[in-house]
Amino acid sequence: MAHSIAPSLLAADFGKLNEAISEVNKSSASLLHLDVMDGQFVPNISFGVPVIETVAKVSTKPLDIHLMIVDPDRYLSTYAAFKPEYLTIHLEASTHLHRSIHQIKELGCKAGVAINPHTNIELLRDTIKEIDLVCVMSVNPGFGGQSFIENTYDKVIALKELIDETNSYTLIEIDGGVTKDNAEKLSRCGADILVAGSSVFRTPSIVEAITGLHG
């Protein structure tokens, strides 16, 4: 099955943000991935509402907003206002996951749930049929440019089995350390969307890098 690519803007040169988004617009990418970090849930701060407001005006690709923040429920309506295709919260940061998933959908977005490398797939069993996308972190969240965690392959296979077993329609997204070297294998394991940062934006050609990740 063919996979989609969602370039992660966190890895772009912020001095040339318009140019980077323009290149993504011209590419075969399906989404533009935006990581919102608060310095509490993860040990880094990225960008928030003012930057995303500008990005939303320039990007012709649907937005894929990933909230790496504590108490995400407080900000769902704020980020839903940008009309992203997916609005993703972390299982580890959500006290009432089922309620949060439905709140995202009521706001007009598809609901994503991200899980950190240490989080067991089985914790998604009770909500998997409600989730539109599971974002599997293949690095520890908070910084770009990290090495891919090899156990991710087994985790994706297990997640795909859970989705099939429950007759769910959930998509699997992989976030972290995605390159041309592991993209095809991740797709074979069951991944639907690959988030790529450094392997897209730190190359001579953003458009060609995205094409190369399709295999």
Protein backbone atom coordinates (compact mmCIF):
# COMPACT_ATOMS: atom_id res chain seq x y z
CA MET A 1 0.00 0.00 0.00
CA ALA A 2 1.34 3.45 -0.89
CA HIS A 3 2.14 5.77 1.99
CA SER A 4 1.71 9.54 2.28
CA ILE A 5 4.36 12.05 3.31
CA ALA A 6 3.84 14.82 5.87
CA PRO A 7 6.90 17.10 6.01
CA SER A 8 7.55 18.44 9.52
CA LEU A 9 8.01 22.20 9.42
CA LEU A 10 9.97 22.12 12.69
CA ALA A 11 13.07 21.14 10.67
CA ALA A 12 12.77 24.03 8.20
CA ASP A 13 14.95 27.14 8.14
CA PHE A 14 12.75 29.64 9.98
CA GLY A 15 14.52 32.47 8.24
CA LYS A 16 13.12 31.15 4.97
CA LEU A 17 9.78 29.79 6.11
CA ASN A 18 7.73 31.09 3.19
CA GLU A 19 10.14 29.55 0.69
CA ALA A 20 10.05 26.19 2.52
CA ILE A 21 6.25 26.10 2.56
CA SER A 22 6.16 27.09 -1.10
CA GLU A 23 8.36 24.12 -1.96
CA VAL A 24 6.11 21.78 0.04
CA ASN A 25 3.12 23.22 -1.84
CA LYS A 26 4.76 22.18 -5.12
CA SER A 27 5.60 18.69 -3.86
CA SER A 28 3.76 15.36 -3.65
CA ALA A 29 3.31 15.75 0.13
CA SER A 30 -0.21 15.07 1.38
CA LEU A 31 -0.03 17.09 4.62
CA LEU A 32 2.10 19.69 6.38
CA HIS A 33 3.00 18.52 9.88
CA LEU A 34 3.20 21.15 12.66
CA ASP A 35 4.64 20.28 16.07
CA VAL A 36 3.43 22.48 18.93
CA MET A 37 5.72 22.12 21.97
CA ASP A 38 5.27 23.81 25.33
CA GLY A 39 8.53 23.09 27.14
CA GLN A 40 6.63 21.08 29.77
CA PHE A 41 5.30 17.94 28.12
CA VAL A 42 8.51 17.84 26.07
CA PRO A 43 11.84 19.57 26.88
CA ASN A 44 11.61 22.11 24.08
CA ILE A 45 9.49 25.00 22.84
CA SER A 46 8.58 25.26 19.15
CA PHE A 47 5.91 27.52 17.72
CA GLY A 48 2.34 28.37 18.58
CA VAL A 49 -0.67 30.28 17.36
CA PRO A 50 1.00 33.29 15.61
CA VAL A 51 3.25 31.11 13.45
CA ILE A 52 0.53 28.62 12.59
CA GLU A 53 -1.80 31.47 11.69
CA THR A 54 0.75 32.58 9.09
CA VAL A 55 1.47 29.04 7.89
CA ALA A 56 -2.24 28.36 7.40
CA LYS A 57 -2.49 31.32 5.04
CA VAL A 58 0.45 30.16 2.89
CA SER A 59 0.13 26.36 2.86
CA THR A 60 -2.00 24.72 0.19
CA LYS A 61 -1.52 21.37 1.91
CA PRO A 62 -3.91 20.33 4.70
CA LEU A 63 -2.41 20.89 8.14
CA ASP A 64 -1.53 18.06 10.51
CA ILE A 65 -1.24 19.71 13.95
CA HIS A 66 0.51 17.67 16.65
CA LEU A 67 0.05 19.04 20.18
CA MET A 68 2.99 18.01 22.38
CA ILE A 69 1.59 19.92 25.33
CA VAL A 70 0.15 19.38 28.79
CA ASP A 71 -3.59 19.81 29.28
CA PRO A 72 -4.33 19.82 25.52
CA ASP A 73 -8.10 20.13 26.07
CA ARG A 74 -7.61 23.82 26.96
CA TYR A 75 -6.33 24.56 23.46
CA LEU A 76 -8.34 22.28 21.17
CA SER A 77 -10.69 25.01 19.98
CA THR A 78 -7.74 27.39 19.44
CA TYR A 79 -5.95 25.03 17.05
CA ALA A 80 -9.11 23.63 15.50
CA ALA A 81 -9.83 27.17 14.30
CA PHE A 82 -7.06 26.70 11.71
CA LYS A 83 -9.14 23.86 10.23
CA PRO A 84 -6.42 21.19 10.22
CA GLU A 85 -7.11 17.83 8.63
CA TYR A 86 -5.85 16.17 11.81
CA LEU A 87 -5.56 17.52 15.34
CA THR A 88 -3.45 15.16 17.45
CA ILE A 89 -3.03 14.98 21.21
CA HIS A 90 -0.81 12.70 23.27
CA LEU A 91 -2.33 9.78 25.12
CA GLU A 92 0.16 10.46 27.92
CA ALA A 93 -1.11 14.04 28.32
CA SER A 94 -4.82 13.28 28.23
CA THR A 95 -6.78 12.55 31.39
CA HIS A 96 -10.04 11.76 29.59
CA LEU A 97 -8.96 10.50 26.17
CA HIS A 98 -12.38 9.38 24.92
CA ARG A 99 -13.92 12.76 25.72
CA SER A 100 -11.01 14.62 24.11
CA ILE A 101 -11.27 12.57 20.91
CA HIS A 102 -14.95 13.42 20.58
CA GLN A 103 -14.32 17.08 21.35
CA ILE A 104 -11.82 17.23 18.47
CA LYS A 105 -14.40 15.71 16.12
CA GLU A 106 -17.10 18.08 17.31
CA LEU A 107 -14.73 20.92 16.39
CA GLY A 108 -14.65 19.64 12.82
CA CYS A 109 -11.26 17.91 12.75
CA LYS A 110 -10.15 14.31 12.46
CA ALA A 111 -8.87 13.09 15.81
CA GLY A 112 -5.29 11.91 16.21
CA VAL A 113 -3.70 10.27 19.24
CA ALA A 114 0.09 10.20 19.58
CA ILE A 115 1.99 7.68 21.67
CA ASN A 116 5.54 7.92 22.97
CA PRO A 117 8.10 5.15 22.37
CA HIS A 118 7.54 3.57 25.80
CA THR A 119 3.73 3.51 25.56
CA ASN A 120 2.06 0.13 25.03
CA ILE A 121 -0.23 -0.26 22.03
CA GLU A 122 -2.80 -2.06 24.20
CA LEU A 123 -3.63 1.24 25.93
CA LEU A 124 -5.39 2.23 22.70
CA ARG A 125 -7.67 -0.80 22.56
CA ASP A 126 -10.68 0.83 24.23
CA THR A 127 -10.62 3.89 21.97
CA ILE A 128 -9.10 2.67 18.70
CA LYS A 129 -12.43 2.62 16.84
CA GLU A 130 -12.92 6.31 17.69
CA ILE A 131 -9.45 7.43 16.57
CA ASP A 132 -8.83 8.60 13.01
CA LEU A 133 -5.04 8.53 13.25
CA VAL A 134 -2.46 7.11 15.64
CA CYS A 135 0.86 8.94 15.57
CA VAL A 136 3.58 6.51 16.66
CA MET A 137 6.61 8.41 17.94
CA SER A 138 9.71 6.69 16.60
CA VAL A 139 12.00 9.01 18.57
CA ASN A 140 11.57 10.54 22.02
CA PRO A 141 9.53 13.69 21.38
CA GLY A 142 10.94 17.15 21.83
CA PHE A 143 13.82 17.51 19.39
CA GLY A 144 14.32 17.03 15.66
CA GLY A 145 17.15 15.09 14.06
CA GLN A 146 17.10 12.11 16.44
CA SER A 147 17.90 8.52 15.46
CA PHE A 148 15.04 6.19 14.59
CA ILE A 149 14.09 3.66 17.30
CA GLU A 150 14.26 0.21 15.68
CA ASN A 151 11.52 -1.30 17.87
CA THR A 152 9.08 0.93 15.99
CA TYR A 153 8.68 -1.70 13.25
CA ASP A 154 7.29 -4.25 15.72
CA LYS A 155 5.09 -1.60 17.28
CA VAL A 156 3.57 -0.67 13.91
CA ILE A 157 2.88 -4.32 13.13
CA ALA A 158 1.15 -4.75 16.52
CA LEU A 159 -0.89 -1.58 16.00
CA LYS A 160 -1.96 -2.70 12.53
CA GLU A 161 -3.08 -6.03 13.99
CA LEU A 162 -5.14 -4.20 16.62
CA ILE A 163 -6.76 -2.02 13.96
CA ASP A 164 -7.63 -5.05 11.81
CA GLU A 165 -8.82 -7.08 14.79
CA THR A 166 -11.25 -4.35 15.86
CA ASN A 167 -12.40 -3.55 12.31
CA SER A 168 -11.23 0.02 12.75
CA TYR A 169 -10.35 2.50 10.01
CA THR A 170 -7.55 4.21 11.93
CA LEU A 171 -4.51 5.40 9.97
CA ILE A 172 -0.98 4.89 11.27
CA GLU A 173 1.44 7.80 11.20
CA ILE A 174 5.15 7.54 12.04
CA ASP A 175 6.94 10.58 13.46
CA GLY A 176 10.69 10.75 13.98
CA GLY A 177 13.84 9.65 12.19
CA VAL A 178 12.07 8.83 8.92
CA THR A 179 14.44 8.59 5.93
CA LYS A 180 14.65 6.94 2.52
CA ASP A 181 16.34 4.01 4.28
CA ASN A 182 13.36 3.06 6.45
CA ALA A 183 10.34 4.52 4.62
CA GLU A 184 9.58 1.46 2.51
CA LYS A 185 9.90 -0.96 5.45
CA LEU A 186 7.61 1.19 7.59
CA SER A 187 5.05 1.15 4.80
CA ARG A 188 5.26 -2.64 4.54
CA CYS A 189 4.71 -2.91 8.30
CA GLY A 190 1.46 -0.94 7.96
CA ALA A 191 2.32 2.76 8.16
CA ASP A 192 0.04 5.05 6.14
CA ILE A 193 1.67 8.46 6.75
CA LEU A 194 5.35 9.23 7.29
CA VAL A 195 6.35 12.46 9.00
CA ALA A 196 9.78 13.61 7.82
CA GLY A 197 11.70 16.64 9.02
CA SER A 198 15.47 16.69 8.59
CA SER A 199 15.37 14.27 5.65
CA VAL A 200 13.18 16.78 3.78
CA PHE A 201 14.18 20.27 4.83
CA ARG A 202 17.92 19.73 5.24
CA THR A 203 18.47 18.64 1.66
CA PRO A 204 19.29 20.51 -1.58
CA SER A 205 15.74 20.00 -2.89
CA ILE A 206 12.65 19.74 -0.70
CA VAL A 207 10.51 18.59 -3.62
CA GLU A 208 12.93 15.84 -4.64
CA ALA A 209 13.41 14.69 -1.04
CA ILE A 210 9.66 14.23 -0.63
CA THR A 211 9.44 12.35 -3.94
CA GLY A 212 12.28 10.08 -2.78
CA LEU A 213 10.45 9.17 0.43
CA HIS A 214 7.62 7.70 -1.60
CA GLY A 215 10.04 5.01 -2.78
